[in-house]
N, C-alpha and C. Protein backbone atom coordinates (compact mmCIF):
# COMPACT_ATOMS: atom_id res chain seq x y z
N MET A 1 -49.38 -8.92 58.00
CA MET A 1 -48.05 -7.92 59.57
C MET A 1 -47.13 -8.84 59.55
N PHE A 2 -46.57 -10.80 59.34
CA PHE A 2 -45.84 -10.59 59.23
C PHE A 2 -44.91 -10.71 57.38
N TYR A 3 -45.09 -10.47 56.87
CA TYR A 3 -45.73 -10.32 55.52
C TYR A 3 -45.08 -8.42 55.50
N ASP A 4 -45.58 -7.68 55.87
CA ASP A 4 -45.23 -5.70 56.03
C ASP A 4 -43.87 -6.36 56.90
N GLN A 5 -43.51 -6.76 57.31
CA GLN A 5 -41.72 -7.01 57.90
C GLN A 5 -40.59 -6.84 57.18
N ILE A 6 -41.37 -8.37 56.95
CA ILE A 6 -40.40 -8.52 55.44
C ILE A 6 -40.54 -8.03 54.24
N LYS A 7 -41.35 -7.70 53.33
CA LYS A 7 -41.21 -7.13 52.07
C LYS A 7 -39.83 -6.16 51.73
N GLY A 8 -40.32 -4.54 53.02
CA GLY A 8 -39.27 -3.97 53.23
C GLY A 8 -37.59 -4.22 52.42
N ILE A 9 -37.83 -5.44 53.94
CA ILE A 9 -35.47 -6.39 53.94
C ILE A 9 -35.12 -6.27 52.54
N PRO A 10 -33.92 -5.86 52.18
CA PRO A 10 -34.01 -5.96 50.13
C PRO A 10 -33.01 -7.36 50.65
N PRO A 11 -33.20 -8.36 49.95
CA PRO A 11 -33.09 -9.81 50.12
C PRO A 11 -31.31 -10.05 49.85
N THR A 12 -30.63 -9.07 50.80
CA THR A 12 -28.75 -9.33 49.62
C THR A 12 -28.48 -11.09 51.21
N LYS A 13 -26.73 -11.57 51.15
CA LYS A 13 -26.45 -12.30 52.31
C LYS A 13 -26.78 -11.82 53.50
N SER A 14 -26.69 -10.14 54.04
CA SER A 14 -26.87 -10.45 55.04
C SER A 14 -28.02 -9.66 56.41
N ASN A 15 -28.56 -9.68 55.02
CA ASN A 15 -29.98 -8.99 55.81
C ASN A 15 -30.44 -10.54 55.81
N VAL A 16 -30.77 -11.12 54.67
CA VAL A 16 -30.92 -12.60 55.42
C VAL A 16 -30.16 -13.48 55.93
N VAL A 17 -29.03 -13.64 56.76
CA VAL A 17 -28.31 -14.17 57.80
C VAL A 17 -29.49 -13.56 58.60
N TRP A 18 -29.38 -11.78 58.74
CA TRP A 18 -29.63 -11.39 60.03
C TRP A 18 -31.97 -12.47 60.34
N LEU A 19 -32.92 -12.04 58.90
CA LEU A 19 -33.20 -12.52 59.74
C LEU A 19 -33.37 -14.32 59.55
N LEU A 20 -32.51 -14.73 59.55
CA LEU A 20 -32.62 -16.36 59.73
C LEU A 20 -32.21 -16.85 61.23
N PHE A 21 -31.40 -15.72 61.84
CA PHE A 21 -31.23 -15.01 62.96
C PHE A 21 -32.00 -14.46 63.75
N GLN A 22 -33.59 -14.49 63.36
CA GLN A 22 -34.96 -14.02 64.19
C GLN A 22 -35.82 -15.33 64.04
N LEU A 23 -35.49 -15.87 62.82
CA LEU A 23 -36.39 -16.47 62.55
C LEU A 23 -36.07 -17.64 62.37
N SER A 24 -35.59 -18.79 63.68
CA SER A 24 -35.27 -19.81 63.45
C SER A 24 -35.88 -20.77 63.11
N SER A 25 -36.71 -20.69 63.23
CA SER A 25 -38.13 -21.76 63.29
C SER A 25 -38.21 -22.69 61.32
N PHE A 26 -37.10 -21.55 60.60
CA PHE A 26 -37.22 -21.66 58.99
C PHE A 26 -36.75 -22.55 58.65
N VAL A 27 -34.85 -22.43 60.14
CA VAL A 27 -34.71 -23.64 58.60
C VAL A 27 -33.84 -24.51 59.36
N GLU A 28 -33.74 -25.24 58.18
CA GLU A 28 -33.79 -26.60 58.27
C GLU A 28 -32.99 -27.03 59.37
N GLU A 29 -33.69 -28.64 59.64
CA GLU A 29 -31.70 -28.83 61.06
C GLU A 29 -30.62 -29.24 60.18
N GLU A 30 -30.47 -29.66 58.57
CA GLU A 30 -29.10 -30.32 58.42
C GLU A 30 -28.70 -28.79 58.86
N ASP A 31 -29.54 -28.65 57.97
CA ASP A 31 -28.59 -27.02 57.75
C ASP A 31 -27.72 -26.36 59.48
N LEU A 32 -29.21 -26.90 60.35
CA LEU A 32 -29.02 -26.28 61.46
C LEU A 32 -27.52 -26.23 62.18
N GLU A 33 -27.38 -28.02 62.16
CA GLU A 33 -25.87 -29.01 62.52
C GLU A 33 -24.68 -28.37 62.00
N PHE A 34 -25.27 -28.25 60.43
CA PHE A 34 -24.45 -28.07 59.64
C PHE A 34 -23.42 -26.88 59.88
N GLY A 35 -24.00 -25.22 60.30
CA GLY A 35 -23.57 -24.16 60.81
C GLY A 35 -22.97 -24.43 62.20
N LYS A 36 -22.74 -25.51 62.83
CA LYS A 36 -22.86 -25.71 64.02
C LYS A 36 -21.25 -26.42 63.95
N LYS A 37 -21.37 -27.34 62.95
CA LYS A 37 -20.46 -28.64 62.71
C LYS A 37 -18.79 -27.00 62.07
N SER A 38 -19.82 -26.92 61.53
CA SER A 38 -19.03 -25.52 60.43
C SER A 38 -18.22 -24.45 61.48
N ALA A 39 -19.28 -24.13 62.43
CA ALA A 39 -17.69 -22.64 63.55
C ALA A 39 -17.34 -23.88 64.33
N ILE A 40 -17.42 -25.07 64.68
CA ILE A 40 -16.56 -25.83 65.11
C ILE A 40 -14.80 -25.74 64.30
N VAL A 41 -15.19 -26.16 62.84
CA VAL A 41 -14.61 -26.11 62.64
C VAL A 41 -13.08 -25.07 61.84
N PHE A 42 -14.13 -24.04 62.17
CA PHE A 42 -13.24 -22.94 61.50
C PHE A 42 -12.94 -22.39 63.20
N LEU A 43 -13.65 -21.77 63.83
CA LEU A 43 -12.64 -22.21 65.23
C LEU A 43 -11.21 -23.22 65.41
N ARG A 44 -11.54 -24.46 65.12
CA ARG A 44 -10.83 -25.47 65.08
C ARG A 44 -9.35 -25.32 64.15
N ASN A 45 -9.49 -24.94 63.14
CA ASN A 45 -7.82 -24.51 62.16
C ASN A 45 -7.46 -23.31 62.46
N PHE A 46 -9.19 -21.84 63.16
CA PHE A 46 -7.40 -20.78 63.47
C PHE A 46 -6.82 -21.14 65.07
N LEU A 47 -7.12 -21.86 65.82
CA LEU A 47 -6.23 -22.41 67.26
C LEU A 47 -5.39 -22.56 66.07
N ILE A 48 -5.65 -23.91 65.89
CA ILE A 48 -4.27 -24.53 65.12
C ILE A 48 -3.22 -23.48 64.60
N ALA A 49 -3.41 -22.65 63.75
CA ALA A 49 -2.78 -22.45 62.72
C ALA A 49 -2.47 -20.81 63.59
N SER A 50 -3.08 -20.41 64.03
CA SER A 50 -2.27 -19.29 65.44
C SER A 50 -1.45 -19.62 65.89
N THR A 51 -1.70 -20.96 66.70
CA THR A 51 -0.41 -21.37 67.61
C THR A 51 1.19 -21.89 66.30
N ILE A 52 0.68 -22.44 65.15
CA ILE A 52 2.40 -23.15 64.71
C ILE A 52 3.20 -21.71 64.39
N GLY A 53 1.95 -20.27 64.15
CA GLY A 53 2.00 -19.00 63.48
C GLY A 53 2.68 -18.27 64.78
N LEU A 54 2.10 -18.90 65.93
CA LEU A 54 3.13 -17.97 66.59
C LEU A 54 4.76 -18.64 67.64
N THR A 55 3.89 -20.20 67.01
CA THR A 55 6.00 -21.46 67.27
C THR A 55 6.63 -20.59 66.38
N LEU A 56 6.18 -20.69 64.84
CA LEU A 56 7.12 -20.72 63.90
C LEU A 56 7.83 -19.09 64.47
N ASN A 57 7.21 -17.93 64.84
CA ASN A 57 7.26 -17.08 65.13
C ASN A 57 9.20 -16.44 66.55
N VAL A 58 8.29 -17.71 67.05
CA VAL A 58 9.79 -17.80 68.37
C VAL A 58 10.65 -18.64 67.82
N GLN A 59 10.71 -19.33 67.12
CA GLN A 59 11.89 -20.14 66.48
C GLN A 59 11.95 -19.32 65.84
N LEU A 60 11.75 -18.82 65.47
CA LEU A 60 12.68 -18.19 63.51
C LEU A 60 13.76 -17.00 64.72
N LYS A 61 13.77 -16.90 65.88
CA LYS A 61 15.10 -16.20 66.36
C LYS A 61 15.46 -17.14 67.25
N ARG A 62 15.65 -17.95 66.80
CA ARG A 62 15.99 -19.23 66.87
C ARG A 62 17.22 -19.51 66.14
N VAL A 63 16.12 -19.63 64.84
CA VAL A 63 17.01 -19.39 63.26
C VAL A 63 17.63 -18.90 62.88
N TYR A 64 16.86 -17.81 63.26
CA TYR A 64 17.99 -16.96 62.69
C TYR A 64 18.30 -15.85 63.20
N PRO A 65 19.01 -15.60 64.22
CA PRO A 65 18.82 -14.59 64.59
C PRO A 65 19.23 -13.46 64.32
N PRO A 66 20.18 -12.74 63.38
CA PRO A 66 20.75 -11.49 62.81
C PRO A 66 19.00 -11.02 62.45
N ILE A 67 17.79 -11.15 62.27
CA ILE A 67 16.90 -10.64 62.35
C ILE A 67 16.50 -9.52 64.12
N LEU A 68 16.91 -10.33 64.37
CA LEU A 68 16.60 -9.71 65.70
C LEU A 68 16.99 -7.52 65.67
N GLY A 69 18.76 -8.23 65.01
CA GLY A 69 19.57 -6.57 64.56
C GLY A 69 18.26 -5.76 63.41
N MET A 70 17.74 -6.40 62.64
CA MET A 70 17.30 -5.52 61.44
C MET A 70 16.14 -4.69 62.05
N SER A 71 15.65 -3.56 61.01
CA SER A 71 14.96 -2.51 60.85
C SER A 71 13.77 -2.85 61.91
N ARG A 72 12.50 -2.43 61.52
CA ARG A 72 11.86 -3.27 62.16
C ARG A 72 10.36 -2.66 60.71
N PHE A 73 10.45 -2.07 59.88
CA PHE A 73 10.61 -2.18 58.26
C PHE A 73 10.78 -3.58 57.54
N ALA A 74 11.89 -3.92 58.60
CA ALA A 74 12.33 -5.40 58.10
C ALA A 74 11.52 -7.04 58.30
N THR A 75 11.93 -7.36 59.63
CA THR A 75 11.03 -7.61 60.47
C THR A 75 9.24 -8.08 60.81
N ILE A 76 9.06 -6.53 60.07
CA ILE A 76 7.21 -6.90 60.03
C ILE A 76 6.91 -7.64 59.48
N PRO A 77 6.97 -7.37 57.64
CA PRO A 77 6.58 -8.47 56.70
C PRO A 77 6.92 -9.44 56.98
N ILE A 78 8.79 -10.16 57.92
CA ILE A 78 9.00 -11.46 57.65
C ILE A 78 8.49 -12.32 58.59
N ARG A 79 8.04 -11.64 59.62
CA ARG A 79 7.19 -11.92 61.26
C ARG A 79 5.62 -11.98 60.74
N LEU A 80 4.72 -11.09 58.76
CA LEU A 80 3.64 -11.55 59.20
C LEU A 80 2.91 -12.63 58.50
N LEU A 81 4.38 -13.08 57.46
CA LEU A 81 4.73 -14.05 56.58
C LEU A 81 4.56 -14.87 57.15
N THR A 82 5.72 -15.35 58.24
CA THR A 82 5.82 -16.76 59.08
C THR A 82 3.99 -17.12 60.40
N PHE A 83 3.96 -15.68 60.30
CA PHE A 83 3.07 -16.01 61.51
C PHE A 83 1.35 -16.03 60.38
N GLY A 84 1.31 -15.47 59.17
CA GLY A 84 0.20 -16.66 58.48
C GLY A 84 -0.07 -17.51 57.75
N ALA A 85 1.39 -17.68 57.41
CA ALA A 85 1.85 -19.36 56.12
C ALA A 85 1.34 -20.48 56.80
N PRO A 86 1.05 -20.54 58.12
CA PRO A 86 0.19 -21.83 58.51
C PRO A 86 -1.16 -22.19 58.30
N PHE A 87 -1.33 -20.76 57.72
CA PHE A 87 -2.98 -20.61 57.45
C PHE A 87 -3.65 -21.90 56.34
N GLY A 88 -2.68 -21.31 55.37
CA GLY A 88 -2.72 -21.97 54.23
C GLY A 88 -3.01 -23.85 54.34
N LEU A 89 -2.26 -24.44 55.35
CA LEU A 89 -2.56 -26.19 55.41
C LEU A 89 -4.00 -26.07 55.49
N PHE A 90 -4.72 -25.45 56.64
CA PHE A 90 -7.03 -24.93 56.43
C PHE A 90 -7.25 -24.70 55.58
N TYR A 91 -6.06 -23.81 53.97
CA TYR A 91 -7.57 -22.63 53.45
C TYR A 91 -7.98 -23.58 52.78
N ASN A 92 -8.34 -25.85 52.33
CA ASN A 92 -9.29 -25.44 51.40
C ASN A 92 -10.16 -25.68 52.35
N SER A 93 -10.35 -26.41 53.16
CA SER A 93 -10.68 -27.31 54.36
C SER A 93 -11.86 -25.82 54.05
N THR A 94 -11.24 -25.13 54.44
CA THR A 94 -11.93 -23.88 55.01
C THR A 94 -13.35 -23.26 53.89
N MET A 95 -12.72 -23.15 52.78
CA MET A 95 -12.57 -22.40 52.00
C MET A 95 -14.20 -23.36 51.06
N THR A 96 -14.33 -24.82 51.36
CA THR A 96 -15.09 -26.07 50.76
C THR A 96 -16.04 -25.25 51.68
N ARG A 97 -15.75 -25.36 52.77
CA ARG A 97 -16.80 -25.24 53.74
C ARG A 97 -17.46 -24.03 53.75
N PHE A 98 -17.03 -22.91 54.08
CA PHE A 98 -17.62 -21.35 53.56
C PHE A 98 -18.02 -21.51 51.86
N ASP A 99 -17.92 -22.59 51.24
CA ASP A 99 -18.57 -22.98 49.99
C ASP A 99 -19.94 -23.05 50.60
N GLN A 100 -20.24 -24.16 50.40
CA GLN A 100 -21.14 -24.91 51.27
C GLN A 100 -22.22 -24.20 51.97
N LEU A 101 -21.88 -23.30 52.81
CA LEU A 101 -22.30 -22.06 53.66
C LEU A 101 -23.09 -21.48 53.07
N ASP A 102 -22.45 -20.97 51.86
CA ASP A 102 -22.73 -19.35 50.89
C ASP A 102 -24.17 -20.60 49.85
N LYS A 103 -24.05 -21.61 49.36
CA LYS A 103 -25.04 -22.12 48.83
C LYS A 103 -26.47 -22.92 49.77
N THR A 104 -25.59 -22.56 50.89
CA THR A 104 -26.80 -23.05 51.83
C THR A 104 -27.92 -21.51 52.11
N LEU A 105 -26.75 -20.78 52.14
CA LEU A 105 -27.51 -18.91 52.32
C LEU A 105 -28.37 -18.51 50.95
N GLU A 106 -27.73 -19.12 49.45
CA GLU A 106 -28.49 -18.84 48.84
C GLU A 106 -30.00 -19.54 48.54
N LYS A 107 -29.79 -20.55 49.20
CA LYS A 107 -31.24 -21.14 49.03
C LYS A 107 -31.96 -20.46 50.02
N TYR A 108 -32.23 -19.97 50.74
CA TYR A 108 -32.89 -19.51 52.29
C TYR A 108 -32.39 -18.28 51.50
N GLN A 109 -31.77 -16.73 50.56
CA GLN A 109 -32.24 -16.34 50.02
C GLN A 109 -33.67 -15.88 49.07
N THR A 110 -33.54 -17.39 47.66
CA THR A 110 -34.26 -17.16 47.04
C THR A 110 -35.65 -17.94 48.02
N ARG A 111 -35.65 -18.65 48.82
CA ARG A 111 -37.16 -18.50 49.84
C ARG A 111 -37.22 -17.12 50.30
N VAL A 112 -37.12 -16.63 50.24
CA VAL A 112 -37.34 -14.44 50.98
C VAL A 112 -37.70 -14.57 49.71
N ILE A 113 -37.02 -14.83 48.99
CA ILE A 113 -37.37 -13.45 48.14
C ILE A 113 -38.20 -14.11 47.19
N LYS A 114 -38.58 -15.31 47.05
CA LYS A 114 -40.03 -16.22 46.48
C LYS A 114 -40.91 -15.48 47.50
N TYR A 115 -40.68 -15.41 48.67
CA TYR A 115 -42.03 -15.22 49.57
C TYR A 115 -42.17 -13.00 49.72
N GLN A 116 -41.49 -12.88 49.57
CA GLN A 116 -41.60 -11.59 48.65
C GLN A 116 -42.44 -11.40 47.90
N ARG A 117 -42.30 -11.67 46.91
CA ARG A 117 -43.07 -11.88 45.85
C ARG A 117 -44.65 -12.22 45.50
N THR A 118 -44.95 -13.22 46.55
CA THR A 118 -46.22 -14.22 46.51
C THR A 118 -47.13 -14.34 47.65
N ALA A 119 -46.42 -13.79 48.64
CA ALA A 119 -47.09 -13.39 50.29
C ALA A 119 -46.80 -14.34 50.69
N ASP A 120 -46.51 -15.58 50.09
CA ASP A 120 -47.55 -17.11 50.60
C ASP A 120 -45.60 -17.91 51.69
N ILE A 121 -47.02 -17.75 52.62
CA ILE A 121 -45.17 -18.69 54.21
C ILE A 121 -45.57 -20.28 53.92
N ARG A 122 -45.99 -20.56 53.16
CA ARG A 122 -45.48 -21.54 52.25
C ARG A 122 -43.89 -22.01 52.30
N HIS A 123 -43.52 -20.82 51.75
CA HIS A 123 -42.56 -20.19 50.66
C HIS A 123 -40.67 -20.69 51.72
N LEU A 124 -41.10 -20.06 52.93
CA LEU A 124 -40.31 -19.79 53.53
C LEU A 124 -39.97 -21.62 53.97
N GLU A 125 -41.43 -22.21 54.86
CA GLU A 125 -41.29 -22.96 55.66
C GLU A 125 -40.69 -24.21 55.60
N PRO A 126 -39.25 -25.38 55.99
CA PRO A 126 -38.69 -25.83 55.41
C PRO A 126 -39.84 -27.18 54.78
N PRO A 127 -39.30 -27.70 53.97
CA PRO A 127 -39.81 -29.21 52.86
C PRO A 127 -40.79 -30.24 54.02
N ARG A 128 -41.69 -30.01 54.12
CA ARG A 128 -42.48 -31.28 55.36
C ARG A 128 -41.49 -33.42 54.91
N LYS A 129 -41.16 -33.93 55.19
CA LYS A 129 -40.53 -34.97 55.40
C LYS A 129 -42.38 -35.75 54.45
N ASP A 130 -41.78 -36.44 54.40
CA ASP A 130 -43.52 -37.62 53.61
C ASP A 130 -44.11 -38.00 55.38
N ASN A 131 -43.51 -38.02 55.76
CA ASN A 131 -43.90 -38.76 56.65
C ASN A 131 -44.48 -38.14 58.23
N GLU A 132 -44.57 -36.82 57.64
CA GLU A 132 -44.71 -35.62 58.76
C GLU A 132 -46.34 -35.51 58.76
N GLY A 133 -46.51 -35.13 57.45
CA GLY A 133 -48.02 -34.90 56.53
C GLY A 133 -48.96 -35.78 56.80
N LYS A 134 -47.94 -37.30 56.98
CA LYS A 134 -49.11 -38.10 57.39
C LYS A 134 -50.00 -38.15 58.96
N ARG A 135 -50.78 -38.87 58.79
CA ARG A 135 -51.72 -38.44 60.23
C ARG A 135 -52.47 -39.94 60.68
């Protein structure tokens, strides 16, 4: 039954993300914690960079008053660049997190592909710890 539902899904990254949201029991605890921490870091970086960008835009009027008299076609690119500049401060940390999340997603994509080929549920399950299997 379960195999019939998954075998027809193309194993693209977006489909694997959807599948992991539906079947969260197959996600390893470390990956789940890393995903939660990454979401917090992304949100923090966005909020800080947006606040700095808005502050720079407001201060731009005080530092360079002729900007108020310029045409909209000249001021819009200047203001967009001023708003977007602080995002460069957080580029390295954000991209490092995205790369690590992408590697994690590739790991689960490989598991889904192996499961589709073999129909063996062990390919989807996280690897067992040594002390979990012994009782």
